[in-house]
């Protein structure tokens, strides 16, 4: 039995396709949109369509940008163009920029190698990364993919691929989070913390 009119059911189904959105949340979102004045609902719809039309991938780093030219990070003269941080998704760039500690460039893969999900190297933005490194200006590539099976596999694959170019390939250190207790850390986290230790100056 269908509880909602077809148009409302269609709206719920589209919301339910979003990551992290279940059926009940999709229903709440759909009802909220229907409660909006028509101008606000139209503005919401236009914001989605406008983003789809104007947002594209930067031709250099593959991060999201507006227009067809390089993004604001790639075109900034204040960034260190000898350093590239490789991340899986555009949202990872936001995390690094929020810290205000990194002043190099980025390269966004738009995913990680995952045979289980039928994602191979050819499905990612790897070729453009190799071309950037081959240009000769890059001195270090930081692998900043997640510390899970797919992230580690992607980092290892890329490090082997970039080795012939004589660039330093590093991996983010992973260990004990600030404010946590050692007794709650798992074996893999403790091992990473030991491997990433550094001298106290």
Foldseek 3Di string as FASTA:
>chain_A
DDPDDPVLVVQLVVQCPDPPDHSVNSNVVSVVLVPDPPVVNVVVVVVVVVCVVFWFAAPQQGAIAGDHHHHPLVPDPQAQAQEEEEEAHNVVVVVVVVVVPHRHHYHYFVHFDDVVVPDHPVNTPLVSVLVSLLVPSHAEYEQEYDPDPRSVVRLVVSCVVCVVSNHHYHYDQAADDPPDDPVPDDPVRHVSCVVPDDDDD
